[in-house]
Amino acid sequence: MSTLRQRGLAVVAAALMLGAFACSERPRDKSDAAADTMTTPTMRRELSSDLRAAEQALQQIQDSVDVALGPELAVRLVPLREAFVTYRKQQCELLKDVFKDGTYGPVAELECLIHLTDSRREFIEEHYDFIERIEKSARGTGRAKGARGAARTR
């Protein structure tokens, strides 16, 4: 091997070693560590918080539908809501069972619950857009004032 080639290889090897050393000795802040690893309990805790937020958002949109429709019509939506809760529970439990041999099952279940809850809220927002028109017309005539204070049936 020529001397020039040996020197070139030595420079490349030294650069690689210094780069590796610099990377391994670089001080890491907490955000780097959190981005690199997340334990299953941490994932479950954060996803549980996300699920609560998704359920609250769904509840708010359902409450606005109930108010707009009034108690006589809102009570007819109860079986639909109960069917959705049953469906969501069954689907997500089945997904959890797919991962029963590992630790990912509860995480998959939470992600499923969040997804289906968000999908339900988005469906209601998209397909029940007539509710806004009902609320506006009711406000104009004063018809829905009694319905606004009505208790929600679950």
N, C-alpha and C. Protein backbone atom coordinates (compact mmCIF):
# COMPACT_ATOMS: atom_id res chain seq x y z
N MET A 1 0.84 -1.16 0.00
CA MET A 1 0.00 0.00 0.00
C MET A 1 0.89 1.23 0.00
N SER A 2 0.51 2.21 -0.73
CA SER A 2 1.33 3.41 -0.82
C SER A 2 1.23 4.22 0.47
N THR A 3 2.24 5.01 0.70
CA THR A 3 2.28 5.85 1.90
C THR A 3 1.14 6.85 1.90
N LEU A 4 0.83 7.40 0.78
CA LEU A 4 -0.26 8.37 0.68
C LEU A 4 -1.59 7.71 1.04
N ARG A 5 -1.78 6.51 0.55
CA ARG A 5 -3.03 5.79 0.84
C ARG A 5 -3.10 5.44 2.33
N GLN A 6 -2.00 5.04 2.93
CA GLN A 6 -1.97 4.72 4.36
C GLN A 6 -2.30 5.96 5.19
N ARG A 7 -1.74 7.08 4.81
CA ARG A 7 -2.04 8.34 5.53
C ARG A 7 -3.51 8.70 5.40
N GLY A 8 -4.05 8.52 4.20
CA GLY A 8 -5.47 8.81 3.98
C GLY A 8 -6.36 7.94 4.85
N LEU A 9 -6.06 6.66 4.92
CA LEU A 9 -6.83 5.74 5.76
C LEU A 9 -6.69 6.09 7.24
N ALA A 10 -5.48 6.50 7.64
CA ALA A 10 -5.26 6.89 9.03
C ALA A 10 -6.07 8.12 9.39
N VAL A 11 -6.16 9.08 8.47
CA VAL A 11 -6.94 10.30 8.70
C VAL A 11 -8.42 9.95 8.82
N VAL A 12 -8.93 9.10 7.92
CA VAL A 12 -10.34 8.69 7.96
C VAL A 12 -10.63 7.94 9.26
N ALA A 13 -9.76 7.02 9.64
CA ALA A 13 -9.96 6.26 10.88
C ALA A 13 -9.95 7.19 12.08
N ALA A 14 -9.03 8.16 12.10
CA ALA A 14 -8.97 9.10 13.22
C ALA A 14 -10.23 9.96 13.28
N ALA A 15 -10.72 10.39 12.13
CA ALA A 15 -11.93 11.21 12.09
C ALA A 15 -13.13 10.42 12.60
N LEU A 16 -13.23 9.17 12.18
CA LEU A 16 -14.34 8.33 12.64
C LEU A 16 -14.28 8.09 14.14
N MET A 17 -13.08 7.85 14.65
CA MET A 17 -12.92 7.61 16.09
C MET A 17 -13.24 8.86 16.88
N LEU A 18 -12.77 10.01 16.42
CA LEU A 18 -13.06 11.27 17.12
C LEU A 18 -14.55 11.58 17.07
N GLY A 19 -15.18 11.32 15.93
CA GLY A 19 -16.62 11.55 15.82
C GLY A 19 -17.40 10.65 16.76
N ALA A 20 -17.03 9.39 16.82
CA ALA A 20 -17.70 8.45 17.72
C ALA A 20 -17.48 8.85 19.17
N PHE A 21 -16.25 9.24 19.47
CA PHE A 21 -15.94 9.67 20.84
C PHE A 21 -16.72 10.92 21.20
N ALA A 22 -16.78 11.86 20.27
CA ALA A 22 -17.49 13.12 20.53
C ALA A 22 -18.98 12.86 20.76
N CYS A 23 -19.54 11.94 19.98
CA CYS A 23 -20.97 11.63 20.14
C CYS A 23 -21.24 10.93 21.45
N SER A 24 -20.37 10.04 21.85
CA SER A 24 -20.62 9.30 23.07
C SER A 24 -20.37 10.14 24.31
N GLU A 25 -19.54 11.15 24.22
CA GLU A 25 -19.23 12.00 25.36
C GLU A 25 -20.08 13.26 25.42
N ARG A 26 -20.92 13.45 24.42
CA ARG A 26 -21.75 14.65 24.37
C ARG A 26 -22.74 14.61 25.53
N PRO A 27 -22.80 15.69 26.31
CA PRO A 27 -23.78 15.70 27.40
C PRO A 27 -25.19 15.70 26.82
N ARG A 28 -26.06 14.92 27.44
CA ARG A 28 -27.43 14.81 26.95
C ARG A 28 -28.36 15.51 27.92
N ASP A 29 -29.29 16.22 27.39
CA ASP A 29 -30.27 16.83 28.27
C ASP A 29 -31.47 15.90 28.41
N LYS A 30 -32.40 16.26 29.28
CA LYS A 30 -33.53 15.39 29.58
C LYS A 30 -34.43 15.16 28.37
N SER A 31 -34.56 16.17 27.52
CA SER A 31 -35.44 16.01 26.36
C SER A 31 -34.88 14.97 25.40
N ASP A 32 -33.55 14.88 25.27
CA ASP A 32 -32.96 13.84 24.42
C ASP A 32 -33.26 12.46 24.98
N ALA A 33 -33.12 12.31 26.27
CA ALA A 33 -33.35 11.01 26.89
C ALA A 33 -34.82 10.60 26.75
N ALA A 34 -35.73 11.55 26.92
CA ALA A 34 -37.15 11.24 26.81
C ALA A 34 -37.53 10.89 25.38
N ALA A 35 -36.88 11.52 24.43
CA ALA A 35 -37.19 11.24 23.03
C ALA A 35 -36.69 9.87 22.62
N ASP A 36 -35.62 9.41 23.25
CA ASP A 36 -35.03 8.13 22.87
C ASP A 36 -35.78 6.94 23.45
N THR A 37 -36.26 7.05 24.66
CA THR A 37 -36.91 5.92 25.30
C THR A 37 -38.17 6.34 26.02
N MET A 38 -39.12 5.44 26.02
CA MET A 38 -40.34 5.66 26.78
C MET A 38 -40.78 4.29 27.26
N THR A 39 -40.95 4.16 28.54
CA THR A 39 -41.35 2.88 29.09
C THR A 39 -42.83 2.63 28.84
N THR A 40 -43.21 1.39 28.90
CA THR A 40 -44.62 1.04 28.71
C THR A 40 -45.51 1.72 29.74
N PRO A 41 -45.15 1.76 31.02
CA PRO A 41 -45.99 2.49 31.97
C PRO A 41 -46.14 3.97 31.62
N THR A 42 -45.07 4.58 31.13
CA THR A 42 -45.15 5.99 30.73
C THR A 42 -46.08 6.15 29.54
N MET A 43 -45.96 5.25 28.58
CA MET A 43 -46.84 5.30 27.41
C MET A 43 -48.30 5.14 27.84
N ARG A 44 -48.54 4.20 28.73
CA ARG A 44 -49.91 3.97 29.20
C ARG A 44 -50.45 5.18 29.95
N ARG A 45 -49.62 5.80 30.76
CA ARG A 45 -50.04 6.98 31.51
C ARG A 45 -50.41 8.13 30.56
N GLU A 46 -49.55 8.37 29.57
CA GLU A 46 -49.82 9.46 28.62
C GLU A 46 -51.02 9.15 27.74
N LEU A 47 -51.14 7.91 27.30
CA LEU A 47 -52.29 7.54 26.48
C LEU A 47 -53.59 7.58 27.29
N SER A 48 -53.53 7.26 28.57
CA SER A 48 -54.72 7.35 29.43
C SER A 48 -55.19 8.80 29.52
N SER A 49 -54.24 9.70 29.62
CA SER A 49 -54.57 11.13 29.64
C SER A 49 -55.19 11.55 28.31
N ASP A 50 -54.63 11.06 27.20
CA ASP A 50 -55.17 11.37 25.88
C ASP A 50 -56.58 10.80 25.72
N LEU A 51 -56.81 9.61 26.27
CA LEU A 51 -58.14 9.00 26.20
C LEU A 51 -59.16 9.84 26.97
N ARG A 52 -58.78 10.30 28.16
CA ARG A 52 -59.69 11.15 28.93
C ARG A 52 -60.05 12.41 28.14
N ALA A 53 -59.07 13.01 27.50
CA ALA A 53 -59.32 14.21 26.69
C ALA A 53 -60.24 13.90 25.51
N ALA A 54 -60.02 12.76 24.86
CA ALA A 54 -60.86 12.37 23.73
C ALA A 54 -62.30 12.11 24.18
N GLU A 55 -62.44 11.45 25.33
CA GLU A 55 -63.79 11.17 25.85
C GLU A 55 -64.50 12.45 26.26
N GLN A 56 -63.77 13.41 26.83
CA GLN A 56 -64.38 14.69 27.19
C GLN A 56 -64.84 15.45 25.95
N ALA A 57 -64.02 15.43 24.90
CA ALA A 57 -64.40 16.12 23.67
C ALA A 57 -65.63 15.47 23.05
N LEU A 58 -65.70 14.14 23.08
CA LEU A 58 -66.88 13.44 22.58
C LEU A 58 -68.10 13.79 23.42
N GLN A 59 -67.93 13.81 24.73
CA GLN A 59 -69.05 14.13 25.60
C GLN A 59 -69.57 15.55 25.34
N GLN A 60 -68.68 16.48 25.11
CA GLN A 60 -69.11 17.86 24.83
C GLN A 60 -69.93 17.94 23.56
N ILE A 61 -69.50 17.25 22.52
CA ILE A 61 -70.25 17.31 21.26
C ILE A 61 -71.59 16.59 21.41
N GLN A 62 -71.62 15.49 22.17
CA GLN A 62 -72.88 14.79 22.41
C GLN A 62 -73.82 15.66 23.23
N ASP A 63 -73.30 16.37 24.21
CA ASP A 63 -74.13 17.27 25.01
C ASP A 63 -74.72 18.37 24.15
N SER A 64 -73.92 18.91 23.22
CA SER A 64 -74.44 19.98 22.36
C SER A 64 -75.53 19.44 21.43
N VAL A 65 -75.39 18.20 20.99
CA VAL A 65 -76.45 17.58 20.18
C VAL A 65 -77.71 17.42 21.02
N ASP A 66 -77.56 16.95 22.25
CA ASP A 66 -78.72 16.78 23.14
C ASP A 66 -79.44 18.09 23.37
N VAL A 67 -78.69 19.13 23.63
CA VAL A 67 -79.29 20.45 23.88
C VAL A 67 -80.03 20.94 22.64
N ALA A 68 -79.40 20.78 21.50
CA ALA A 68 -80.03 21.25 20.26
C ALA A 68 -81.30 20.48 19.93
N LEU A 69 -81.30 19.18 20.18
CA LEU A 69 -82.47 18.37 19.85
C LEU A 69 -83.57 18.46 20.90
N GLY A 70 -83.17 18.71 22.13
CA GLY A 70 -84.14 18.71 23.21
C GLY A 70 -84.24 17.33 23.83
N PRO A 71 -84.77 17.25 25.04
CA PRO A 71 -84.78 15.98 25.77
C PRO A 71 -85.63 14.88 25.11
N GLU A 72 -86.71 15.27 24.42
CA GLU A 72 -87.56 14.25 23.81
C GLU A 72 -86.83 13.47 22.72
N LEU A 73 -86.04 14.17 21.91
CA LEU A 73 -85.30 13.50 20.84
C LEU A 73 -83.95 12.97 21.33
N ALA A 74 -83.35 13.66 22.26
CA ALA A 74 -82.02 13.25 22.75
C ALA A 74 -82.06 11.86 23.38
N VAL A 75 -83.16 11.54 24.04
CA VAL A 75 -83.26 10.23 24.69
C VAL A 75 -83.21 9.10 23.65
N ARG A 76 -83.58 9.38 22.43
CA ARG A 76 -83.54 8.37 21.37
C ARG A 76 -82.10 8.04 20.94
N LEU A 77 -81.16 8.92 21.29
CA LEU A 77 -79.76 8.68 20.93
C LEU A 77 -79.04 7.77 21.94
N VAL A 78 -79.65 7.55 23.08
CA VAL A 78 -79.01 6.74 24.12
C VAL A 78 -78.64 5.34 23.63
N PRO A 79 -79.54 4.62 22.95
CA PRO A 79 -79.15 3.29 22.46
C PRO A 79 -77.97 3.33 21.48
N LEU A 80 -77.90 4.38 20.66
CA LEU A 80 -76.76 4.53 19.74
C LEU A 80 -75.46 4.68 20.51
N ARG A 81 -75.49 5.49 21.54
CA ARG A 81 -74.28 5.72 22.34
C ARG A 81 -73.86 4.46 23.08
N GLU A 82 -74.83 3.75 23.61
CA GLU A 82 -74.52 2.51 24.32
C GLU A 82 -73.94 1.47 23.36
N ALA A 83 -74.46 1.40 22.15
CA ALA A 83 -73.95 0.46 21.15
C ALA A 83 -72.51 0.83 20.76
N PHE A 84 -72.25 2.12 20.65
CA PHE A 84 -70.89 2.55 20.32
C PHE A 84 -69.91 2.16 21.43
N VAL A 85 -70.28 2.38 22.68
CA VAL A 85 -69.40 2.05 23.81
C VAL A 85 -69.12 0.55 23.83
N THR A 86 -70.15 -0.26 23.58
CA THR A 86 -69.98 -1.71 23.55
C THR A 86 -69.06 -2.11 22.40
N TYR A 87 -69.31 -1.56 21.22
CA TYR A 87 -68.47 -1.86 20.05
C TYR A 87 -67.02 -1.48 20.30
N ARG A 88 -66.81 -0.28 20.81
CA ARG A 88 -65.45 0.22 21.07
C ARG A 88 -64.72 -0.69 22.05
N LYS A 89 -65.41 -1.07 23.10
CA LYS A 89 -64.80 -1.94 24.12
C LYS A 89 -64.42 -3.29 23.53
N GLN A 90 -65.33 -3.90 22.79
CA GLN A 90 -65.06 -5.21 22.20
C GLN A 90 -63.91 -5.16 21.20
N GLN A 91 -63.92 -4.19 20.32
CA GLN A 91 -62.88 -4.08 19.30
C GLN A 91 -61.50 -3.90 19.92
N CYS A 92 -61.42 -3.02 20.90
CA CYS A 92 -60.13 -2.71 21.49
C CYS A 92 -59.62 -3.84 22.39
N GLU A 93 -60.53 -4.57 23.02
CA GLU A 93 -60.11 -5.74 23.79
C GLU A 93 -59.56 -6.83 22.87
N LEU A 94 -60.19 -6.99 21.71
CA LEU A 94 -59.69 -7.97 20.74
C LEU A 94 -58.30 -7.58 20.24
N LEU A 95 -58.09 -6.31 20.02
CA LEU A 95 -56.76 -5.85 19.60
C LEU A 95 -55.74 -6.09 20.70
N LYS A 96 -56.12 -5.83 21.93
CA LYS A 96 -55.22 -6.07 23.07
C LYS A 96 -54.83 -7.55 23.14
N ASP A 97 -55.78 -8.42 22.85
CA ASP A 97 -55.51 -9.87 22.89
C ASP A 97 -54.50 -10.30 21.84
N VAL A 98 -54.41 -9.58 20.74
CA VAL A 98 -53.42 -9.91 19.71
C VAL A 98 -52.02 -9.85 20.30
N PHE A 99 -51.80 -8.93 21.22
CA PHE A 99 -50.49 -8.72 21.82
C PHE A 99 -50.39 -9.29 23.24
N LYS A 100 -51.18 -10.30 23.54
CA LYS A 100 -51.25 -10.81 24.90
C LYS A 100 -49.93 -11.40 25.41
N ASP A 101 -49.04 -11.77 24.51
CA ASP A 101 -47.77 -12.35 24.94
C ASP A 101 -46.70 -11.31 25.26
N GLY A 102 -47.02 -10.05 25.10
CA GLY A 102 -46.03 -9.00 25.36
C GLY A 102 -46.61 -7.88 26.19
N THR A 103 -45.90 -6.79 26.23
CA THR A 103 -46.33 -5.65 27.04
C THR A 103 -47.06 -4.59 26.22
N TYR A 104 -47.16 -4.80 24.90
CA TYR A 104 -47.76 -3.78 24.05
C TYR A 104 -49.29 -3.81 24.07
N GLY A 105 -49.89 -4.89 24.54
CA GLY A 105 -51.35 -5.04 24.52
C GLY A 105 -52.11 -3.87 25.10
N PRO A 106 -51.81 -3.45 26.35
CA PRO A 106 -52.54 -2.32 26.92
C PRO A 106 -52.32 -1.02 26.15
N VAL A 107 -51.15 -0.85 25.58
CA VAL A 107 -50.87 0.35 24.78
C VAL A 107 -51.72 0.32 23.51
N ALA A 108 -51.77 -0.83 22.84
CA ALA A 108 -52.58 -0.97 21.64
C ALA A 108 -54.05 -0.74 21.94
N GLU A 109 -54.50 -1.24 23.09
CA GLU A 109 -55.89 -1.04 23.49
C GLU A 109 -56.20 0.44 23.68
N LEU A 110 -55.32 1.15 24.37
CA LEU A 110 -55.53 2.59 24.59
C LEU A 110 -55.53 3.36 23.28
N GLU A 111 -54.60 3.02 22.40
CA GLU A 111 -54.56 3.71 21.10
C GLU A 111 -55.84 3.44 20.31
N CYS A 112 -56.34 2.23 20.39
CA CYS A 112 -57.59 1.87 19.73
C CYS A 112 -58.76 2.68 20.31
N LEU A 113 -58.84 2.74 21.63
CA LEU A 113 -59.92 3.49 22.29
C LEU A 113 -59.88 4.96 21.89
N ILE A 114 -58.70 5.53 21.85
CA ILE A 114 -58.55 6.94 21.46
C ILE A 114 -59.00 7.13 20.01
N HIS A 115 -58.52 6.25 19.14
CA HIS A 115 -58.85 6.38 17.72
C HIS A 115 -60.36 6.28 17.49
N LEU A 116 -60.99 5.28 18.06
CA LEU A 116 -62.43 5.11 17.85
C LEU A 116 -63.22 6.25 18.48
N THR A 117 -62.79 6.75 19.62
CA THR A 117 -63.46 7.88 20.27
C THR A 117 -63.35 9.12 19.41
N ASP A 118 -62.14 9.40 18.92
CA ASP A 118 -61.94 10.56 18.04
C ASP A 118 -62.74 10.42 16.75
N SER A 119 -62.77 9.21 16.21
CA SER A 119 -63.53 8.97 14.98
C SER A 119 -65.02 9.22 15.19
N ARG A 120 -65.53 8.79 16.32
CA ARG A 120 -66.95 9.02 16.64
C ARG A 120 -67.24 10.52 16.76
N ARG A 121 -66.37 11.24 17.46
CA ARG A 121 -66.55 12.69 17.59
C ARG A 121 -66.52 13.36 16.23
N GLU A 122 -65.54 12.99 15.39
CA GLU A 122 -65.43 13.57 14.05
C GLU A 122 -66.66 13.26 13.21
N PHE A 123 -67.19 12.05 13.34
CA PHE A 123 -68.39 11.67 12.60
C PHE A 123 -69.56 12.56 13.01
N ILE A 124 -69.73 12.74 14.31
CA ILE A 124 -70.83 13.57 14.80
C ILE A 124 -70.65 15.01 14.32
N GLU A 125 -69.46 15.54 14.43
CA GLU A 125 -69.20 16.91 13.98
C GLU A 125 -69.50 17.07 12.49
N GLU A 126 -69.16 16.06 11.71
CA GLU A 126 -69.35 16.15 10.26
C GLU A 126 -70.80 15.93 9.85
N HIS A 127 -71.45 14.94 10.44
CA HIS A 127 -72.77 14.55 9.98
C HIS A 127 -73.92 15.15 10.78
N TYR A 128 -73.62 15.73 11.91
CA TYR A 128 -74.67 16.37 12.69
C TYR A 128 -74.52 17.89 12.60
N ASP A 129 -73.99 18.36 11.49
CA ASP A 129 -73.78 19.81 11.36
C ASP A 129 -75.09 20.57 11.32
N PHE A 130 -76.18 19.87 11.09
CA PHE A 130 -77.48 20.52 11.10
C PHE A 130 -77.84 21.02 12.50
N ILE A 131 -77.17 20.50 13.52
CA ILE A 131 -77.44 20.91 14.89
C ILE A 131 -77.22 22.41 15.06
N GLU A 132 -76.16 22.92 14.44
CA GLU A 132 -75.88 24.35 14.54
C GLU A 132 -77.04 25.16 13.99
N ARG A 133 -77.61 24.72 12.89
CA ARG A 133 -78.75 25.44 12.29
C ARG A 133 -79.96 25.37 13.22
N ILE A 134 -80.17 24.21 13.86
CA ILE A 134 -81.29 24.08 14.79
C ILE A 134 -81.10 25.03 15.96
N GLU A 135 -79.87 25.06 16.53
CA GLU A 135 -79.61 25.94 17.66
C GLU A 135 -79.85 27.40 17.30
N LYS A 136 -79.38 27.80 16.12
CA LYS A 136 -79.55 29.19 15.69
C LYS A 136 -81.03 29.54 15.52
N SER A 137 -81.80 28.66 14.90
CA SER A 137 -83.21 28.95 14.70
C SER A 137 -83.97 28.91 16.02
N ALA A 138 -83.57 28.02 16.92
CA ALA A 138 -84.22 27.94 18.23
C ALA A 138 -83.94 29.19 19.05
N ARG A 139 -82.71 29.69 18.96
CA ARG A 139 -82.37 30.92 19.67
C ARG A 139 -83.20 32.09 19.16
N GLY A 140 -83.45 32.09 17.86
CA GLY A 140 -84.23 33.17 17.26
C GLY A 140 -85.68 33.13 17.71
N THR A 141 -86.24 31.93 17.94
CA THR A 141 -87.64 31.82 18.34
C THR A 141 -87.80 31.64 19.84
N GLY A 142 -86.70 31.33 20.53
CA GLY A 142 -86.75 31.13 21.97
C GLY A 142 -87.26 29.75 22.36
N ARG A 143 -87.41 28.83 21.40
CA ARG A 143 -87.96 27.51 21.67
C ARG A 143 -87.09 26.62 22.54
N ALA A 144 -85.82 26.67 22.37
CA ALA A 144 -84.94 25.67 23.01
C ALA A 144 -84.45 26.06 24.40
N LYS A 145 -84.96 27.13 24.95
CA LYS A 145 -84.48 27.55 26.26
C LYS A 145 -84.70 26.51 27.33
N GLY A 146 -85.82 25.84 27.31
CA GLY A 146 -86.09 24.80 28.29
C GLY A 146 -85.17 23.60 28.10
N ALA A 147 -84.82 23.32 26.88
CA ALA A 147 -83.99 22.15 26.59
C ALA A 147 -82.56 22.35 27.07
N ARG A 148 -82.10 23.59 27.13
CA ARG A 148 -80.71 23.84 27.53
C ARG A 148 -80.43 23.40 28.96
N GLY A 149 -81.40 23.50 29.83
CA GLY A 149 -81.18 23.13 31.21
C GLY A 149 -81.57 21.68 31.50
N ALA A 150 -82.03 20.97 30.49
CA ALA A 150 -82.49 19.60 30.71
C ALA A 150 -81.33 18.69 31.08
N ALA A 151 -81.62 17.76 31.96
CA ALA A 151 -80.60 16.78 32.38
C ALA A 151 -80.37 15.80 31.25
N ARG A 152 -79.14 15.37 31.13
CA ARG A 152 -78.77 14.43 30.08
C ARG A 152 -79.00 13.01 30.58
N THR A 153 -79.65 12.21 29.76
CA THR A 153 -79.88 10.81 30.11
C THR A 153 -78.76 9.98 29.54
N ARG A 154 -78.22 9.11 30.35
CA ARG A 154 -77.12 8.25 29.87
C ARG A 154 -77.55 6.84 29.73
